[in-house]
Amino acid sequence: MVEWDEINWRSAVGIILFALLVIAGSIFLINDYTTAKNLKAGLENDTARINDFYSTWKPPSQKDLEEMGSKAESLQKELNQLKPKIGLEVNMDDLQGKIRQLAGSVGVSLEKMDAKPETAEGFLKVEPITLAVKGANEQLSRFLMGIENLGVASRRQGTPSISAGQVEINLEFLSFDQQAWNSSYSCSLQVNPPELKDTDIGRAKVFKDDLAGLKEKVDAERTKLSDSKNVLAEKCELEKQISGLEKQINLSKGLAR
């Protein structure tokens, strides 16, 4: 029979601790291997998504953007030459000051100038105003012609009322609602670049394999995708600008008819 005092407790404890370390180490290695495997799979999946994306889509070139920019400049020049031209805003304080100056310069008496709140009509911002002026027929004619030459697109509403040398007219000054146009416009990009999350390969401590090389490639593609998104955003803004200018031109030409 073995006496208890004959047992080397130190050896027993050492064996137990060693066994526990082996078990803990095995668990750590298994977890690290699983982590590394999952990280590698995620990076390879990102690479495949990027390759699929670029296999079906070619980003616009700088030349494409320059051509769109040139088209926008050409449309802006065409718009600027139109009379009347529907601009992007109407400064009513400035406009009313010009109307007072016009009345004084042609010799009519401005009896009433009643501006009403702005309204919307499609992509037009409408500024209604009622004017009443007194003067001789020639002076009144010069005043009405002067209104049309203030540099702001306008249209008359209804028939002017004439009484005892006084003419009352209802006018609407018009501008293009670029913000409403931009909000309603949908860019024809037909592409959705993949979203790539940053991968922390530092989570793998032992089984690093080729994780660093894969991550470097994915990070480079992420930068490339970011540049592509910037190009797409620029292309979208140019599309909005071009389509908005085309709409302004058509509205201006329609007002001239």
Protein backbone atom coordinates (compact mmCIF):
# COMPACT_ATOMS: atom_id res chain seq x y z
CA MET A 1 0.00 0.00 0.00
CA VAL A 2 1.36 3.40 -1.04
CA GLU A 3 1.76 5.90 1.73
CA TRP A 4 0.48 9.41 0.95
CA ASP A 5 3.70 10.93 2.01
CA GLU A 6 5.48 8.91 -0.67
CA ILE A 7 3.64 10.81 -3.46
CA ASN A 8 5.58 13.64 -5.12
CA TRP A 9 2.91 16.30 -5.05
CA ARG A 10 5.02 18.72 -6.94
CA SER A 11 5.31 16.33 -9.88
CA ALA A 12 1.58 15.68 -9.83
CA VAL A 13 0.74 19.36 -9.85
CA GLY A 14 3.25 19.92 -12.63
CA ILE A 15 1.69 17.19 -14.74
CA ILE A 16 -1.78 18.61 -14.19
CA LEU A 17 -0.67 22.14 -15.09
CA PHE A 18 1.11 20.85 -18.19
CA ALA A 19 -2.01 19.01 -19.26
CA LEU A 20 -4.10 22.14 -18.75
CA LEU A 21 -1.63 24.19 -20.79
CA VAL A 22 -1.73 21.65 -23.60
CA ILE A 23 -5.53 21.73 -23.59
CA ALA A 24 -5.62 25.57 -23.48
CA GLY A 25 -3.03 25.76 -26.24
CA SER A 26 -4.99 23.35 -28.38
CA ILE A 27 -8.16 25.36 -27.90
CA PHE A 28 -6.27 28.57 -28.76
CA LEU A 29 -4.80 27.03 -31.92
CA ILE A 30 -8.15 25.66 -33.02
CA ASN A 31 -9.82 29.03 -32.45
CA ASP A 32 -6.97 30.84 -34.21
CA TYR A 33 -7.16 28.48 -37.18
CA THR A 34 -10.93 28.98 -37.41
CA THR A 35 -10.52 32.75 -37.17
CA ALA A 36 -7.83 32.79 -39.87
CA LYS A 37 -9.94 30.57 -42.11
CA ASN A 38 -12.97 32.88 -41.72
CA LEU A 39 -10.85 35.98 -42.35
CA LYS A 40 -9.39 34.45 -45.50
CA ALA A 41 -12.85 33.42 -46.72
CA GLY A 42 -14.12 36.95 -46.13
CA LEU A 43 -11.22 38.52 -48.05
CA GLU A 44 -11.60 36.05 -50.91
CA ASN A 45 -15.34 36.81 -51.01
CA ASP A 46 -14.58 40.55 -51.18
CA THR A 47 -12.16 39.90 -54.05
CA ALA A 48 -14.78 37.87 -55.92
CA ARG A 49 -17.41 40.61 -55.44
CA ILE A 50 -15.00 43.23 -56.76
CA ASN A 51 -14.14 41.10 -59.80
CA ASP A 52 -17.83 40.49 -60.51
CA PHE A 53 -18.52 44.22 -60.25
CA TYR A 54 -15.80 45.26 -62.68
CA SER A 55 -16.68 42.44 -65.07
CA THR A 56 -20.09 44.04 -65.67
CA TRP A 57 -19.31 47.76 -65.29
CA LYS A 58 -16.72 50.12 -66.69
CA PRO A 59 -16.36 53.45 -64.87
CA PRO A 60 -16.72 56.66 -66.91
CA SER A 61 -13.42 58.00 -68.16
CA GLN A 62 -12.14 61.49 -67.52
CA LYS A 63 -12.83 62.19 -71.20
CA ASP A 64 -16.50 61.22 -70.68
CA LEU A 65 -16.77 63.69 -67.80
CA GLU A 66 -15.04 66.42 -69.80
CA GLU A 67 -17.48 65.91 -72.68
CA MET A 68 -20.42 66.16 -70.28
CA GLY A 69 -18.92 69.32 -68.78
CA SER A 70 -18.56 70.81 -72.27
CA LYS A 71 -22.19 69.97 -73.04
CA ALA A 72 -23.30 71.70 -69.84
CA GLU A 73 -21.30 74.82 -70.79
CA SER A 74 -22.84 74.81 -74.27
CA LEU A 75 -26.36 74.53 -72.85
CA GLN A 76 -25.66 77.35 -70.39
CA LYS A 77 -24.56 79.60 -73.26
CA GLU A 78 -27.72 78.72 -75.20
CA LEU A 79 -29.85 79.52 -72.15
CA ASN A 80 -28.10 82.86 -71.58
CA GLN A 81 -28.94 83.93 -75.14
CA LEU A 82 -32.67 83.27 -74.76
CA LYS A 83 -35.16 86.06 -74.22
CA PRO A 84 -36.96 85.62 -71.98
CA LYS A 85 -34.65 83.43 -69.93
CA ILE A 86 -35.96 81.60 -66.88
CA GLY A 87 -33.17 81.90 -64.33
CA LEU A 88 -32.58 80.17 -61.01
CA GLU A 89 -34.00 82.84 -58.72
CA VAL A 90 -35.90 86.10 -58.55
CA ASN A 91 -34.76 88.70 -56.02
CA MET A 92 -38.07 90.38 -55.34
CA ASP A 93 -36.60 93.28 -53.35
CA ASP A 94 -34.23 94.06 -56.21
CA LEU A 95 -37.00 93.57 -58.76
CA GLN A 96 -39.39 95.93 -57.01
CA GLY A 97 -36.64 98.53 -56.87
CA LYS A 98 -36.17 98.20 -60.65
CA ILE A 99 -39.93 98.55 -61.19
CA ARG A 100 -39.95 101.82 -59.20
CA GLN A 101 -36.99 103.09 -61.21
CA LEU A 102 -38.70 102.12 -64.46
CA ALA A 103 -41.89 103.93 -63.47
CA GLY A 104 -39.92 107.07 -62.70
CA SER A 105 -37.87 106.88 -65.90
CA VAL A 106 -40.90 106.61 -68.21
CA GLY A 107 -42.96 109.15 -66.26
CA VAL A 108 -45.81 107.01 -64.92
CA SER A 109 -47.19 107.10 -61.39
CA LEU A 110 -46.86 103.77 -59.60
CA GLU A 111 -50.11 103.63 -57.63
CA LYS A 112 -49.84 100.06 -56.35
CA MET A 113 -47.26 97.29 -56.14
CA ASP A 114 -48.62 94.29 -54.24
CA ALA A 115 -46.34 91.24 -54.10
CA LYS A 116 -47.93 87.98 -53.01
CA PRO A 117 -46.30 84.85 -51.50
CA GLU A 118 -44.29 82.59 -53.77
CA THR A 119 -46.05 79.56 -55.23
CA ALA A 120 -44.83 76.51 -57.13
CA GLU A 121 -45.85 75.21 -60.52
CA GLY A 122 -44.06 72.05 -61.48
CA PHE A 123 -40.40 73.05 -61.48
CA LEU A 124 -41.19 76.75 -61.61
CA LYS A 125 -41.11 79.14 -58.68
CA VAL A 126 -43.82 81.74 -59.26
CA GLU A 127 -43.72 85.25 -57.74
CA PRO A 128 -47.15 86.93 -58.25
CA ILE A 129 -47.35 90.71 -58.16
CA THR A 130 -50.09 93.24 -58.95
CA LEU A 131 -49.12 96.62 -60.38
CA ALA A 132 -51.29 99.70 -60.88
CA VAL A 133 -49.86 102.67 -62.81
CA LYS A 134 -51.19 105.98 -64.13
CA GLY A 135 -49.98 107.93 -67.11
CA ALA A 136 -50.48 108.78 -70.74
CA ASN A 137 -50.91 105.95 -73.21
CA GLU A 138 -47.39 106.32 -74.60
CA GLN A 139 -45.91 106.32 -71.10
CA LEU A 140 -47.95 103.26 -70.12
CA SER A 141 -46.82 101.42 -73.26
CA ARG A 142 -43.17 102.21 -72.47
CA PHE A 143 -43.67 101.00 -68.91
CA LEU A 144 -45.18 97.68 -70.02
CA MET A 145 -42.40 97.17 -72.54
CA GLY A 146 -39.87 98.01 -69.86
CA ILE A 147 -41.30 95.32 -67.57
CA GLU A 148 -40.54 92.74 -70.26
CA ASN A 149 -36.95 93.98 -70.48
CA LEU A 150 -36.09 93.79 -66.79
CA GLY A 151 -34.13 90.58 -67.40
CA VAL A 152 -36.56 88.42 -65.43
CA ALA A 153 -38.94 85.99 -67.10
CA SER A 154 -42.55 86.98 -66.53
CA ARG A 155 -46.06 86.38 -67.79
CA ARG A 156 -49.35 88.22 -67.45
CA GLN A 157 -52.34 86.72 -65.75
CA GLY A 158 -55.77 87.74 -67.00
CA THR A 159 -56.61 90.93 -68.85
CA PRO A 160 -55.30 94.31 -67.63
CA SER A 161 -58.03 96.49 -66.15
CA ILE A 162 -58.06 100.07 -67.45
CA SER A 163 -59.91 102.86 -65.69
CA ALA A 164 -59.48 106.64 -65.81
CA GLY A 165 -55.93 106.54 -67.11
CA GLN A 166 -54.89 103.82 -64.67
CA VAL A 167 -53.83 100.34 -65.71
CA GLU A 168 -53.77 97.43 -63.28
CA ILE A 169 -51.99 94.24 -64.32
CA ASN A 170 -51.30 90.94 -62.63
CA LEU A 171 -47.84 89.58 -63.35
CA GLU A 172 -45.97 86.42 -62.40
CA PHE A 173 -42.17 86.45 -62.34
CA LEU A 174 -40.70 83.02 -62.88
CA SER A 175 -37.55 81.13 -61.92
CA PHE A 176 -36.44 77.53 -62.19
CA ASP A 177 -36.58 75.41 -59.03
CA GLN A 178 -33.22 73.66 -59.32
CA GLN A 179 -33.51 72.09 -55.86
CA ALA A 180 -36.85 70.48 -56.68
CA TRP A 181 -35.42 69.26 -59.99
CA ASN A 182 -32.39 67.71 -58.31
CA SER A 183 -34.56 66.02 -55.69
CA SER A 184 -36.81 64.46 -58.31
CA TYR A 185 -34.09 63.52 -60.77
CA SER A 186 -32.81 59.95 -60.70
CA CYS A 187 -29.36 59.43 -62.20
CA SER A 188 -29.17 56.69 -64.82
CA LEU A 189 -26.08 55.10 -63.30
CA GLN A 190 -27.55 51.59 -63.07
CA VAL A 191 -24.71 50.43 -60.86
CA ASN A 192 -24.26 49.66 -57.20
CA PRO A 193 -20.61 49.32 -56.12
CA PRO A 194 -20.06 46.68 -53.41
CA GLU A 195 -19.60 47.89 -49.85
CA LEU A 196 -16.40 46.48 -48.32
CA LYS A 197 -15.77 46.46 -44.59
CA ASP A 198 -12.27 46.74 -43.18
CA THR A 199 -10.85 43.36 -42.12
CA ASP A 200 -8.76 43.11 -38.94
CA ILE A 201 -6.28 40.34 -39.81
CA GLY A 202 -4.57 40.97 -36.47
CA ARG A 203 -7.18 38.70 -34.94
CA ALA A 204 -5.23 35.76 -36.38
CA LYS A 205 -2.14 35.27 -34.22
CA VAL A 206 -0.58 32.06 -35.58
CA PHE A 207 -2.23 30.88 -38.80
CA LYS A 208 -1.66 34.12 -40.72
CA ASP A 209 -1.01 32.33 -44.00
CA ASP A 210 -1.34 34.89 -46.86
CA LEU A 211 -3.85 37.12 -45.06
CA ALA A 212 -1.61 40.20 -45.29
CA GLY A 213 -1.27 39.84 -49.07
CA LEU A 214 -5.01 39.32 -49.55
CA LYS A 215 -5.84 42.30 -47.35
CA GLU A 216 -3.39 44.50 -49.25
CA LYS A 217 -5.12 43.62 -52.52
CA VAL A 218 -8.58 44.22 -51.09
CA ASP A 219 -7.51 47.55 -49.56
CA ALA A 220 -6.16 48.65 -52.93
CA GLU A 221 -9.47 47.72 -54.55
CA ARG A 222 -11.34 49.54 -51.80
CA THR A 223 -9.45 52.71 -52.70
CA LYS A 224 -10.24 52.10 -56.37
CA LEU A 225 -13.93 51.64 -55.51
CA SER A 226 -13.89 54.88 -53.54
CA ASP A 227 -12.49 56.68 -56.58
CA SER A 228 -15.18 55.03 -58.74
CA LYS A 229 -17.90 56.27 -56.38
CA ASN A 230 -16.49 59.80 -56.63
CA VAL A 231 -16.57 59.54 -60.44
CA LEU A 232 -20.16 58.27 -60.29
CA ALA A 233 -21.14 61.15 -58.01
CA GLU A 234 -19.52 63.63 -60.41
CA LYS A 235 -21.29 62.02 -63.37
CA CYS A 236 -24.61 62.19 -61.52
CA GLU A 237 -24.15 65.90 -60.76
CA LEU A 238 -23.33 66.57 -64.41
CA GLU A 239 -26.42 64.63 -65.50
CA LYS A 240 -28.56 66.73 -63.16
CA GLN A 241 -26.96 69.93 -64.43
CA ILE A 242 -27.42 69.00 -68.09
CA SER A 243 -31.01 67.80 -67.67
CA GLY A 244 -31.84 70.88 -65.58
CA LEU A 245 -30.45 73.22 -68.22
CA GLU A 246 -32.38 71.41 -70.93
CA LYS A 247 -35.55 71.84 -68.85
CA GLN A 248 -34.82 75.54 -68.30
CA ILE A 249 -34.29 76.03 -72.04
CA ASN A 250 -37.56 74.28 -72.91
CA LEU A 251 -39.49 76.29 -70.31
CA SER A 252 -37.95 79.53 -71.55
CA LYS A 253 -38.76 78.74 -75.16
CA GLY A 254 -42.30 77.79 -74.17
CA LEU A 255 -42.70 81.15 -72.46
CA ALA A 256 -41.59 82.96 -75.60
CA ARG A 257 -44.28 81.36 -77.78
